[in-house]
Amino acid sequence: MTDPSQTLSIDRETLRMGKYTRGYADLTTDQLNGLLWLLGEWTVRGDNGHRRSIAARKAIMSSQPFTLEEAHEIIRNAREEEPLP
């Protein structure tokens, strides 16, 4: 059983009220997980030109919501042979 003190919860109204979060208020749970995963991929690798970092940044900046599965696919498809932008 999950310890309630370890449960993270935020309501959509709180997201709508935030200057930098209002655009995320209508995401599904899976899309929010996808966004957080892409953000983690980008920040862990740094903005150092790594292909996966570039792919994650590009996906985040597209403002298109991605499910967690779609986010994984974006990173899997970040191939070494692709030219850097």
C-alpha atoms as a PDB file:
ATOM      1  CA  MET A   1       0.000   0.000   0.000  1.00  0.00           C
ATOM      2  CA  THR A   2       1.214   3.485  -0.851  1.00  0.00           C
ATOM      3  CA  ASP A   3       2.025   5.814   2.020  1.00  0.00           C
ATOM      4  CA  PRO A   4      -0.288   8.872   1.604  1.00  0.00           C
ATOM      5  CA  SER A   5       2.579  11.193   2.498  1.00  0.00           C
ATOM      6  CA  GLN A   6       4.386   9.859  -0.583  1.00  0.00           C
ATOM      7  CA  THR A   7       1.452  10.439  -2.956  1.00  0.00           C
ATOM      8  CA  LEU A   8       1.752  13.424  -5.270  1.00  0.00           C
ATOM      9  CA  SER A   9      -1.455  15.123  -6.227  1.00  0.00           C
ATOM     10  CA  ILE A  10      -2.196  18.364  -8.033  1.00  0.00           C
ATOM     11  CA  ASP A  11      -5.562  19.461  -9.300  1.00  0.00           C
ATOM     12  CA  ARG A  12      -6.233  20.938 -12.719  1.00  0.00           C
ATOM     13  CA  GLU A  13      -7.429  24.241 -11.273  1.00  0.00           C
ATOM     14  CA  THR A  14      -4.066  24.726  -9.574  1.00  0.00           C
ATOM     15  CA  LEU A  15      -2.353  24.095 -12.911  1.00  0.00           C
ATOM     16  CA  ARG A  16      -4.678  26.569 -14.664  1.00  0.00           C
ATOM     17  CA  MET A  17      -3.833  29.273 -12.125  1.00  0.00           C
ATOM     18  CA  GLY A  18      -0.077  28.988 -12.563  1.00  0.00           C
ATOM     19  CA  LYS A  19       1.621  31.308 -15.028  1.00  0.00           C
ATOM     20  CA  TYR A  20       3.882  28.545 -16.348  1.00  0.00           C
ATOM     21  CA  THR A  21       1.590  25.559 -15.782  1.00  0.00           C
ATOM     22  CA  ARG A  22      -1.734  26.620 -17.273  1.00  0.00           C
ATOM     23  CA  GLY A  23      -0.898  25.027 -20.619  1.00  0.00           C
ATOM     24  CA  TYR A  24      -0.668  21.633 -18.939  1.00  0.00           C
ATOM     25  CA  ALA A  25      -4.030  21.622 -17.162  1.00  0.00           C
ATOM     26  CA  ASP A  26      -5.750  19.492 -19.803  1.00  0.00           C
ATOM     27  CA  LEU A  27      -3.082  16.797 -20.156  1.00  0.00           C
ATOM     28  CA  THR A  28      -4.010  13.237 -19.357  1.00  0.00           C
ATOM     29  CA  THR A  29      -2.035  11.457 -16.648  1.00  0.00           C
ATOM     30  CA  ASP A  30      -0.171   9.522 -19.356  1.00  0.00           C
ATOM     31  CA  GLN A  31       0.674  12.737 -21.224  1.00  0.00           C
ATOM     32  CA  LEU A  32       1.919  14.384 -18.029  1.00  0.00           C
ATOM     33  CA  ASN A  33       4.114  11.326 -17.385  1.00  0.00           C
ATOM     34  CA  GLY A  34       5.410  11.582 -20.966  1.00  0.00           C
ATOM     35  CA  LEU A  35       6.255  15.265 -20.503  1.00  0.00           C
ATOM     36  CA  LEU A  36       8.015  14.640 -17.208  1.00  0.00           C
ATOM     37  CA  TRP A  37       9.954  11.722 -18.688  1.00  0.00           C
ATOM     38  CA  LEU A  38      11.098  13.839 -21.671  1.00  0.00           C
ATOM     39  CA  LEU A  39      12.050  16.662 -19.322  1.00  0.00           C
ATOM     40  CA  GLY A  40      14.050  14.220 -17.222  1.00  0.00           C
ATOM     41  CA  GLU A  41      15.772  12.811 -20.304  1.00  0.00           C
ATOM     42  CA  TRP A  42      16.729  16.321 -21.383  1.00  0.00           C
ATOM     43  CA  THR A  43      17.928  17.513 -17.986  1.00  0.00           C
ATOM     44  CA  VAL A  44      19.848  14.351 -17.081  1.00  0.00           C
ATOM     45  CA  ARG A  45      21.808  14.471 -20.325  1.00  0.00           C
ATOM     46  CA  GLY A  46      22.113  18.243 -20.264  1.00  0.00           C
ATOM     47  CA  ASP A  47      21.774  20.475 -23.266  1.00  0.00           C
ATOM     48  CA  ASN A  48      25.084  19.210 -24.599  1.00  0.00           C
ATOM     49  CA  GLY A  49      24.218  18.229 -28.158  1.00  0.00           C
ATOM     50  CA  HIS A  50      23.580  14.563 -27.349  1.00  0.00           C
ATOM     51  CA  ARG A  51      21.069  13.207 -29.861  1.00  0.00           C
ATOM     52  CA  ARG A  52      18.653  12.078 -27.165  1.00  0.00           C
ATOM     53  CA  SER A  53      18.889  15.431 -25.426  1.00  0.00           C
ATOM     54  CA  ILE A  54      18.140  17.191 -28.713  1.00  0.00           C
ATOM     55  CA  ALA A  55      15.201  14.866 -29.413  1.00  0.00           C
ATOM     56  CA  ALA A  56      13.760  15.422 -25.925  1.00  0.00           C
ATOM     57  CA  ARG A  57      14.158  19.215 -26.160  1.00  0.00           C
ATOM     58  CA  LYS A  58      12.580  19.274 -29.608  1.00  0.00           C
ATOM     59  CA  ALA A  59       9.610  17.204 -28.394  1.00  0.00           C
ATOM     60  CA  ILE A  60       9.104  19.404 -25.327  1.00  0.00           C
ATOM     61  CA  MET A  61       9.320  22.594 -27.371  1.00  0.00           C
ATOM     62  CA  SER A  62       6.806  21.308 -29.918  1.00  0.00           C
ATOM     63  CA  SER A  63       4.043  21.893 -27.334  1.00  0.00           C
ATOM     64  CA  GLN A  64       2.427  18.689 -28.571  1.00  0.00           C
ATOM     65  CA  PRO A  65       1.385  16.297 -25.809  1.00  0.00           C
ATOM     66  CA  PHE A  66       3.029  12.863 -25.963  1.00  0.00           C
ATOM     67  CA  THR A  67       2.066   9.790 -23.996  1.00  0.00           C
ATOM     68  CA  LEU A  68       4.799   8.025 -22.069  1.00  0.00           C
ATOM     69  CA  GLU A  69       4.976   5.350 -24.778  1.00  0.00           C
ATOM     70  CA  GLU A  70       5.298   8.027 -27.484  1.00  0.00           C
ATOM     71  CA  ALA A  71       8.019   9.780 -25.462  1.00  0.00           C
ATOM     72  CA  HIS A  72       9.965   6.509 -25.230  1.00  0.00           C
ATOM     73  CA  GLU A  73       9.611   6.070 -28.994  1.00  0.00           C
ATOM     74  CA  ILE A  74      10.941   9.588 -29.653  1.00  0.00           C
ATOM     75  CA  ILE A  75      14.069   8.842 -27.659  1.00  0.00           C
ATOM     76  CA  ARG A  76      14.512   5.365 -29.181  1.00  0.00           C
ATOM     77  CA  ASN A  77      14.390   6.963 -32.622  1.00  0.00           C
ATOM     78  CA  ALA A  78      17.124   9.481 -31.831  1.00  0.00           C
ATOM     79  CA  ARG A  79      19.675   7.704 -34.013  1.00  0.00           C
ATOM     80  CA  GLU A  80      23.349   8.487 -34.252  1.00  0.00           C
ATOM     81  CA  GLU A  81      23.199   8.862 -38.035  1.00  0.00           C
ATOM     82  CA  GLU A  82      20.665  11.692 -37.899  1.00  0.00           C
ATOM     83  CA  PRO A  83      22.279  15.053 -38.631  1.00  0.00           C
ATOM     84  CA  LEU A  84      22.398  17.600 -35.841  1.00  0.00           C
ATOM     85  CA  PRO A  85      20.116  20.615 -36.349  1.00  0.00           C
END
